[in-house]
Amino acid sequence: MTGGPGAGGPPAVLDHLVLATPDLAATVAEVAALTGVRPVPGGSHPGRGTRNHLLGLGGGAYVEVIGPDPEQPAPDRPRWFGIDALTGPRLVTWAVRVTGIAARVAAARACGHDPGEAVAMSRRTPDGGRLTWRLTPPGAGDRLAPFLLDWGATPHPSAGLPVLPLVALRAVHPDPAAARATWAALGARWPGELAAGPEAQLTAVVEGRYGRVAFGRGAGAV
């Protein structure tokens, strides 16, 4: 692991990975075909123009497959995660789970990284329940900078999900030291490998029913 506990308390832990796509239905079908496990419906994000499906990764983490919601009108602002510019699915970022998100934001700023102001969000679940949470805006910094997420008293959405065990996480960054500094400012730990490369990239390898599958730019067997 890399990164460390910053000034905001104990290390934040991996909450979920974000697999963004311009075509949610097609990507859900592709993930199901490759892994043998179909992501389950999560819900719609009112006003954001997006909807998601979820798969557990084990250890209280999950992967969120997120794309445009055809039942919502186009939002009056760009969709998060760069969805509007995507030509195919891509593992775009990761979220870390924290408590006391306001203190985490202040601590990160004191350490030289501004994750943005936390905003409140909510969505309905397929069974009629309601999830509420607070998060910092995704994309504050480069692709490897996670966003902070505080579920408060809401039950964590990983409970009851079908699970594809997470085998490996790999990150590539043009300046690995800068990535580590950002993680440290957020009090986050990257639970995987980090290497130098020309472009910031994330790859996750899961154990599917037919073998291992990698999510990065698209998806495929490994």
C-alpha atoms as a PDB file:
ATOM      1  CA  MET A   1       0.000   0.000   0.000  1.00  0.00           C
ATOM      2  CA  THR A   2       1.042   3.589  -0.592  1.00  0.00           C
ATOM      3  CA  GLY A   3      -0.202   6.790   0.936  1.00  0.00           C
ATOM      4  CA  GLY A   4      -0.719   7.386   4.630  1.00  0.00           C
ATOM      5  CA  PRO A   5      -2.858   8.798   7.399  1.00  0.00           C
ATOM      6  CA  GLY A   6      -2.825  12.601   6.973  1.00  0.00           C
ATOM      7  CA  ALA A   7      -4.035  15.116   9.468  1.00  0.00           C
ATOM      8  CA  GLY A   8      -7.690  14.085   9.139  1.00  0.00           C
ATOM      9  CA  GLY A   9      -7.659  10.898  11.220  1.00  0.00           C
ATOM     10  CA  PRO A  10      -7.086   7.208  10.471  1.00  0.00           C
ATOM     11  CA  PRO A  11      -6.453   6.189   6.860  1.00  0.00           C
ATOM     12  CA  ALA A  12      -9.448   6.372   4.571  1.00  0.00           C
ATOM     13  CA  VAL A  13     -10.318   3.045   2.945  1.00  0.00           C
ATOM     14  CA  LEU A  14     -11.350   2.085  -0.568  1.00  0.00           C
ATOM     15  CA  ASP A  15     -15.101   2.586  -0.899  1.00  0.00           C
ATOM     16  CA  HIS A  16     -15.639   1.953  -4.581  1.00  0.00           C
ATOM     17  CA  LEU A  17     -14.206   2.090  -8.085  1.00  0.00           C
ATOM     18  CA  VAL A  18     -15.967   4.032 -10.834  1.00  0.00           C
ATOM     19  CA  LEU A  19     -16.394   2.400 -14.251  1.00  0.00           C
ATOM     20  CA  ALA A  20     -17.911   5.196 -16.357  1.00  0.00           C
ATOM     21  CA  THR A  21     -19.514   4.600 -19.735  1.00  0.00           C
ATOM     22  CA  PRO A  22     -21.449   6.465 -22.433  1.00  0.00           C
ATOM     23  CA  ASP A  23     -23.840   3.493 -22.762  1.00  0.00           C
ATOM     24  CA  LEU A  24     -24.864   1.998 -19.437  1.00  0.00           C
ATOM     25  CA  ALA A  25     -26.991  -0.864 -20.757  1.00  0.00           C
ATOM     26  CA  ALA A  26     -24.281  -2.025 -23.170  1.00  0.00           C
ATOM     27  CA  THR A  27     -21.540  -1.918 -20.531  1.00  0.00           C
ATOM     28  CA  VAL A  28     -23.648  -3.774 -17.963  1.00  0.00           C
ATOM     29  CA  ALA A  29     -24.249  -6.484 -20.574  1.00  0.00           C
ATOM     30  CA  GLU A  30     -20.533  -6.607 -21.430  1.00  0.00           C
ATOM     31  CA  VAL A  31     -19.502  -6.932 -17.781  1.00  0.00           C
ATOM     32  CA  ALA A  32     -22.051  -9.724 -17.295  1.00  0.00           C
ATOM     33  CA  ALA A  33     -20.830 -11.592 -20.383  1.00  0.00           C
ATOM     34  CA  LEU A  34     -17.158 -11.343 -19.378  1.00  0.00           C
ATOM     35  CA  THR A  35     -17.521 -12.140 -15.676  1.00  0.00           C
ATOM     36  CA  GLY A  36     -20.612 -14.333 -15.489  1.00  0.00           C
ATOM     37  CA  VAL A  37     -22.109 -11.943 -12.927  1.00  0.00           C
ATOM     38  CA  ARG A  38     -24.534  -9.185 -13.859  1.00  0.00           C
ATOM     39  CA  PRO A  39     -24.252  -5.832 -12.061  1.00  0.00           C
ATOM     40  CA  VAL A  40     -27.436  -5.096 -10.134  1.00  0.00           C
ATOM     41  CA  PRO A  41     -29.406  -1.856 -10.546  1.00  0.00           C
ATOM     42  CA  GLY A  42     -28.429   0.856  -8.100  1.00  0.00           C
ATOM     43  CA  GLY A  43     -30.503   3.896  -8.924  1.00  0.00           C
ATOM     44  CA  SER A  44     -30.801   7.242 -10.628  1.00  0.00           C
ATOM     45  CA  HIS A  45     -29.075  10.483  -9.622  1.00  0.00           C
ATOM     46  CA  PRO A  46     -31.752  13.178 -10.050  1.00  0.00           C
ATOM     47  CA  GLY A  47     -30.480  16.296 -11.755  1.00  0.00           C
ATOM     48  CA  ARG A  48     -27.125  14.715 -12.599  1.00  0.00           C
ATOM     49  CA  GLY A  49     -28.372  12.826 -15.646  1.00  0.00           C
ATOM     50  CA  THR A  50     -26.828   9.524 -14.534  1.00  0.00           C
ATOM     51  CA  ARG A  51     -27.818   6.088 -13.289  1.00  0.00           C
ATOM     52  CA  ASN A  52     -25.703   3.243 -11.905  1.00  0.00           C
ATOM     53  CA  HIS A  53     -25.390  -0.525 -11.481  1.00  0.00           C
ATOM     54  CA  LEU A  54     -23.242  -2.132  -8.777  1.00  0.00           C
ATOM     55  CA  LEU A  55     -21.071  -5.192  -8.130  1.00  0.00           C
ATOM     56  CA  GLY A  56     -19.335  -6.064  -4.879  1.00  0.00           C
ATOM     57  CA  LEU A  57     -15.558  -6.480  -4.729  1.00  0.00           C
ATOM     58  CA  GLY A  58     -15.324  -7.974  -1.235  1.00  0.00           C
ATOM     59  CA  GLY A  59     -14.087  -6.288   1.916  1.00  0.00           C
ATOM     60  CA  GLY A  60     -16.901  -3.724   1.921  1.00  0.00           C
ATOM     61  CA  ALA A  61     -15.913  -2.254  -1.470  1.00  0.00           C
ATOM     62  CA  TYR A  62     -17.753  -2.297  -4.786  1.00  0.00           C
ATOM     63  CA  VAL A  63     -17.539  -1.175  -8.400  1.00  0.00           C
ATOM     64  CA  GLU A  64     -20.020   1.370  -9.703  1.00  0.00           C
ATOM     65  CA  VAL A  65     -20.914   1.169 -13.393  1.00  0.00           C
ATOM     66  CA  ILE A  66     -22.299   4.615 -14.191  1.00  0.00           C
ATOM     67  CA  GLY A  67     -23.601   6.201 -17.360  1.00  0.00           C
ATOM     68  CA  PRO A  68     -26.304   8.457 -18.789  1.00  0.00           C
ATOM     69  CA  ASP A  69     -29.823   7.855 -17.505  1.00  0.00           C
ATOM     70  CA  PRO A  70     -32.185   7.652 -20.500  1.00  0.00           C
ATOM     71  CA  GLU A  71     -35.142   8.414 -18.230  1.00  0.00           C
ATOM     72  CA  GLN A  72     -33.751  11.837 -17.289  1.00  0.00           C
ATOM     73  CA  PRO A  73     -33.472  14.906 -19.511  1.00  0.00           C
ATOM     74  CA  ALA A  74     -29.955  16.005 -20.374  1.00  0.00           C
ATOM     75  CA  PRO A  75     -28.537  17.897 -17.367  1.00  0.00           C
ATOM     76  CA  ASP A  76     -27.717  21.604 -17.576  1.00  0.00           C
ATOM     77  CA  ARG A  77     -24.075  20.876 -16.710  1.00  0.00           C
ATOM     78  CA  PRO A  78     -21.559  18.223 -17.745  1.00  0.00           C
ATOM     79  CA  ARG A  79     -22.083  14.818 -16.172  1.00  0.00           C
ATOM     80  CA  TRP A  80     -19.494  13.849 -13.568  1.00  0.00           C
ATOM     81  CA  PHE A  81     -16.647  11.474 -14.442  1.00  0.00           C
ATOM     82  CA  GLY A  82     -16.240  12.934 -17.939  1.00  0.00           C
ATOM     83  CA  ILE A  83     -19.054  10.700 -19.162  1.00  0.00           C
ATOM     84  CA  ASP A  84     -20.109  13.082 -21.941  1.00  0.00           C
ATOM     85  CA  ALA A  85     -16.674  12.835 -23.593  1.00  0.00           C
ATOM     86  CA  LEU A  86     -16.251   9.050 -23.322  1.00  0.00           C
ATOM     87  CA  THR A  87     -16.351   6.827 -26.392  1.00  0.00           C
ATOM     88  CA  GLY A  88     -16.331   3.600 -24.361  1.00  0.00           C
ATOM     89  CA  PRO A  89     -16.208   2.333 -20.780  1.00  0.00           C
ATOM     90  CA  ARG A  90     -13.265   3.374 -18.652  1.00  0.00           C
ATOM     91  CA  LEU A  91     -12.202   2.974 -15.031  1.00  0.00           C
ATOM     92  CA  VAL A  92     -12.000   6.679 -14.287  1.00  0.00           C
ATOM     93  CA  THR A  93     -11.451   7.136 -10.555  1.00  0.00           C
ATOM     94  CA  TRP A  94     -11.923   5.749  -7.049  1.00  0.00           C
ATOM     95  CA  ALA A  95     -13.645   6.870  -3.861  1.00  0.00           C
ATOM     96  CA  VAL A  96     -12.430   6.565  -0.292  1.00  0.00           C
ATOM     97  CA  ARG A  97     -14.801   6.186   2.624  1.00  0.00           C
ATOM     98  CA  VAL A  98     -14.414   8.635   5.509  1.00  0.00           C
ATOM     99  CA  THR A  99     -16.300   9.925   8.508  1.00  0.00           C
ATOM    100  CA  GLY A 100     -16.349  13.622   9.306  1.00  0.00           C
ATOM    101  CA  ILE A 101     -15.888  14.739   5.712  1.00  0.00           C
ATOM    102  CA  ALA A 102     -15.642  18.456   6.544  1.00  0.00           C
ATOM    103  CA  ALA A 103     -12.628  17.803   8.770  1.00  0.00           C
ATOM    104  CA  ARG A 104     -11.082  15.657   6.037  1.00  0.00           C
ATOM    105  CA  VAL A 105     -11.448  18.453   3.510  1.00  0.00           C
ATOM    106  CA  ALA A 106      -9.844  20.942   5.892  1.00  0.00           C
ATOM    107  CA  ALA A 107      -6.982  18.555   6.638  1.00  0.00           C
ATOM    108  CA  ALA A 108      -6.338  17.940   2.938  1.00  0.00           C
ATOM    109  CA  ARG A 109      -6.222  21.662   2.234  1.00  0.00           C
ATOM    110  CA  ALA A 110      -3.766  22.149   5.071  1.00  0.00           C
ATOM    111  CA  CYS A 111      -1.584  19.508   3.404  1.00  0.00           C
ATOM    112  CA  GLY A 112      -1.710  21.232   0.020  1.00  0.00           C
ATOM    113  CA  HIS A 113      -4.542  19.461  -1.812  1.00  0.00           C
ATOM    114  CA  ASP A 114      -8.004  20.950  -2.267  1.00  0.00           C
ATOM    115  CA  PRO A 115     -10.589  18.182  -2.856  1.00  0.00           C
ATOM    116  CA  GLY A 116     -13.420  20.702  -3.275  1.00  0.00           C
ATOM    117  CA  GLU A 117     -16.445  21.364  -1.120  1.00  0.00           C
ATOM    118  CA  ALA A 118     -18.488  18.379   0.008  1.00  0.00           C
ATOM    119  CA  VAL A 119     -22.007  18.237  -1.435  1.00  0.00           C
ATOM    120  CA  ALA A 120     -25.053  16.267  -0.294  1.00  0.00           C
ATOM    121  CA  MET A 121     -26.584  13.654  -2.595  1.00  0.00           C
ATOM    122  CA  SER A 122     -29.261  10.985  -2.452  1.00  0.00           C
ATOM    123  CA  ARG A 123     -30.959   8.354  -4.588  1.00  0.00           C
ATOM    124  CA  ARG A 124     -33.787   5.869  -4.354  1.00  0.00           C
ATOM    125  CA  THR A 125     -32.953   2.172  -4.275  1.00  0.00           C
ATOM    126  CA  PRO A 126     -34.851  -0.403  -6.364  1.00  0.00           C
ATOM    127  CA  ASP A 127     -36.710  -1.567  -3.239  1.00  0.00           C
ATOM    128  CA  GLY A 128     -37.956   1.929  -2.489  1.00  0.00           C
ATOM    129  CA  GLY A 129     -35.378   2.861   0.143  1.00  0.00           C
ATOM    130  CA  ARG A 130     -33.345   6.043   0.106  1.00  0.00           C
ATOM    131  CA  LEU A 131     -29.578   6.419   0.356  1.00  0.00           C
ATOM    132  CA  THR A 132     -28.018   9.710   1.417  1.00  0.00           C
ATOM    133  CA  TRP A 133     -24.357  10.660   1.443  1.00  0.00           C
ATOM    134  CA  ARG A 134     -21.897  13.535   1.121  1.00  0.00           C
ATOM    135  CA  LEU A 135     -18.974  13.581  -1.268  1.00  0.00           C
ATOM    136  CA  THR A 136     -16.346  15.868  -2.700  1.00  0.00           C
ATOM    137  CA  PRO A 137     -16.640  16.496  -6.452  1.00  0.00           C
ATOM    138  CA  PRO A 138     -15.016  13.733  -8.500  1.00  0.00           C
ATOM    139  CA  GLY A 139     -12.217  15.013 -10.680  1.00  0.00           C
ATOM    140  CA  ALA A 140     -10.661  17.515  -8.250  1.00  0.00           C
ATOM    141  CA  GLY A 141      -7.103  16.873  -9.413  1.00  0.00           C
ATOM    142  CA  ASP A 142      -5.842  14.190 -11.761  1.00  0.00           C
ATOM    143  CA  ARG A 143      -7.418  10.824 -12.454  1.00  0.00           C
ATOM    144  CA  LEU A 144      -5.656   9.097  -9.563  1.00  0.00           C
ATOM    145  CA  ALA A 145      -6.871  11.556  -6.922  1.00  0.00           C
ATOM    146  CA  PRO A 146      -9.775   9.841  -5.140  1.00  0.00           C
ATOM    147  CA  PHE A 147     -12.854  11.700  -4.019  1.00  0.00           C
ATOM    148  CA  LEU A 148     -14.016  11.561  -0.410  1.00  0.00           C
ATOM    149  CA  LEU A 149     -17.341   9.956   0.492  1.00  0.00           C
ATOM    150  CA  ASP A 150     -19.144  10.005   3.831  1.00  0.00           C
ATOM    151  CA  TRP A 151     -22.173   7.701   4.111  1.00  0.00           C
ATOM    152  CA  GLY A 152     -23.174   8.993   7.531  1.00  0.00           C
ATOM    153  CA  ALA A 153     -25.895   6.771   8.978  1.00  0.00           C
ATOM    154  CA  THR A 154     -26.920   5.308   5.596  1.00  0.00           C
ATOM    155  CA  PRO A 155     -26.376   1.534   5.220  1.00  0.00           C
ATOM    156  CA  HIS A 156     -23.455   0.899   2.905  1.00  0.00           C
ATOM    157  CA  PRO A 157     -24.584  -0.087  -0.614  1.00  0.00           C
ATOM    158  CA  SER A 158     -22.093  -2.976  -0.817  1.00  0.00           C
ATOM    159  CA  ALA A 159     -24.285  -5.035   1.538  1.00  0.00           C
ATOM    160  CA  GLY A 160     -26.025  -7.835  -0.328  1.00  0.00           C
ATOM    161  CA  LEU A 161     -24.334  -7.261  -3.689  1.00  0.00           C
ATOM    162  CA  PRO A 162     -23.094 -10.165  -5.822  1.00  0.00           C
ATOM    163  CA  VAL A 163     -19.323 -10.250  -5.401  1.00  0.00           C
ATOM    164  CA  LEU A 164     -16.483 -10.464  -7.893  1.00  0.00           C
ATOM    165  CA  PRO A 165     -13.371 -10.721  -5.688  1.00  0.00           C
ATOM    166  CA  LEU A 166     -10.867  -7.949  -6.333  1.00  0.00           C
ATOM    167  CA  VAL A 167      -7.541  -9.568  -7.252  1.00  0.00           C
ATOM    168  CA  ALA A 168      -5.356  -6.556  -8.036  1.00  0.00           C
ATOM    169  CA  LEU A 169      -5.333  -2.802  -8.466  1.00  0.00           C
ATOM    170  CA  ARG A 170      -2.767  -1.061 -10.635  1.00  0.00           C
ATOM    171  CA  ALA A 171      -2.125   2.641 -11.068  1.00  0.00           C
ATOM    172  CA  VAL A 172       0.112   4.447 -13.554  1.00  0.00           C
ATOM    173  CA  HIS A 173       1.062   8.111 -13.128  1.00  0.00           C
ATOM    174  CA  PRO A 174       3.548  10.457 -14.822  1.00  0.00           C
ATOM    175  CA  ASP A 175       4.760  11.554 -11.359  1.00  0.00           C
ATOM    176  CA  PRO A 176       4.242   8.789  -8.779  1.00  0.00           C
ATOM    177  CA  ALA A 177       5.596  10.992  -5.992  1.00  0.00           C
ATOM    178  CA  ALA A 178       2.896  13.593  -6.717  1.00  0.00           C
ATOM    179  CA  ALA A 179       0.215  10.899  -6.617  1.00  0.00           C
ATOM    180  CA  ARG A 180       1.491   9.685  -3.251  1.00  0.00           C
ATOM    181  CA  ALA A 181       1.494  13.243  -1.906  1.00  0.00           C
ATOM    182  CA  THR A 182      -2.145  13.696  -2.907  1.00  0.00           C
ATOM    183  CA  TRP A 183      -3.133  10.404  -1.292  1.00  0.00           C
ATOM    184  CA  ALA A 184      -1.301  11.363   1.886  1.00  0.00           C
ATOM    185  CA  ALA A 185      -3.051  14.749   2.005  1.00  0.00           C
ATOM    186  CA  LEU A 186      -6.400  12.956   1.802  1.00  0.00           C
ATOM    187  CA  GLY A 187      -5.394  10.384   4.409  1.00  0.00           C
ATOM    188  CA  ALA A 188      -5.941   7.685   1.777  1.00  0.00           C
ATOM    189  CA  ARG A 189      -4.140   4.455   1.020  1.00  0.00           C
ATOM    190  CA  TRP A 190      -3.919   3.031  -2.497  1.00  0.00           C
ATOM    191  CA  PRO A 191      -4.329  -0.729  -1.974  1.00  0.00           C
ATOM    192  CA  GLY A 192      -2.363  -1.722  -5.041  1.00  0.00           C
ATOM    193  CA  GLU A 193       0.615  -1.148  -7.314  1.00  0.00           C
ATOM    194  CA  LEU A 194       1.874   2.223  -8.556  1.00  0.00           C
ATOM    195  CA  ALA A 195       4.193   2.696 -11.533  1.00  0.00           C
ATOM    196  CA  ALA A 196       5.451   5.590 -13.650  1.00  0.00           C
ATOM    197  CA  GLY A 197       3.948   6.074 -17.110  1.00  0.00           C
ATOM    198  CA  PRO A 198       3.006   8.766 -19.624  1.00  0.00           C
ATOM    199  CA  GLU A 199      -0.682   8.977 -18.651  1.00  0.00           C
ATOM    200  CA  ALA A 200      -2.620   8.530 -15.410  1.00  0.00           C
ATOM    201  CA  GLN A 201      -4.490   5.241 -15.604  1.00  0.00           C
ATOM    202  CA  LEU A 202      -6.279   2.805 -13.302  1.00  0.00           C
ATOM    203  CA  THR A 203      -6.756  -0.929 -13.811  1.00  0.00           C
ATOM    204  CA  ALA A 204      -8.682  -3.349 -11.606  1.00  0.00           C
ATOM    205  CA  VAL A 205      -8.524  -7.134 -11.950  1.00  0.00           C
ATOM    206  CA  VAL A 206     -11.414  -9.204 -10.622  1.00  0.00           C
ATOM    207  CA  GLU A 207     -11.989 -12.953 -10.413  1.00  0.00           C
ATOM    208  CA  GLY A 208     -14.955 -13.756 -12.640  1.00  0.00           C
ATOM    209  CA  ARG A 209     -16.712 -17.079 -13.060  1.00  0.00           C
ATOM    210  CA  TYR A 210     -14.800 -17.695 -16.305  1.00  0.00           C
ATOM    211  CA  GLY A 211     -11.427 -16.390 -15.121  1.00  0.00           C
ATOM    212  CA  ARG A 212      -9.840 -13.054 -14.400  1.00  0.00           C
ATOM    213  CA  VAL A 213     -11.126  -9.872 -16.019  1.00  0.00           C
ATOM    214  CA  ALA A 214      -9.437  -6.465 -16.113  1.00  0.00           C
ATOM    215  CA  PHE A 215     -11.302  -3.165 -16.050  1.00  0.00           C
ATOM    216  CA  GLY A 216      -9.383  -0.153 -17.291  1.00  0.00           C
ATOM    217  CA  ARG A 217      -9.988   1.167 -20.772  1.00  0.00           C
ATOM    218  CA  GLY A 218     -12.886  -1.134 -21.529  1.00  0.00           C
ATOM    219  CA  ALA A 219     -12.826  -4.645 -20.125  1.00  0.00           C
ATOM    220  CA  GLY A 220     -11.280  -7.920 -21.067  1.00  0.00           C
ATOM    221  CA  ALA A 221      -9.991 -11.284 -19.882  1.00  0.00           C
ATOM    222  CA  VAL A 222      -6.448 -11.487 -18.485  1.00  0.00           C
END
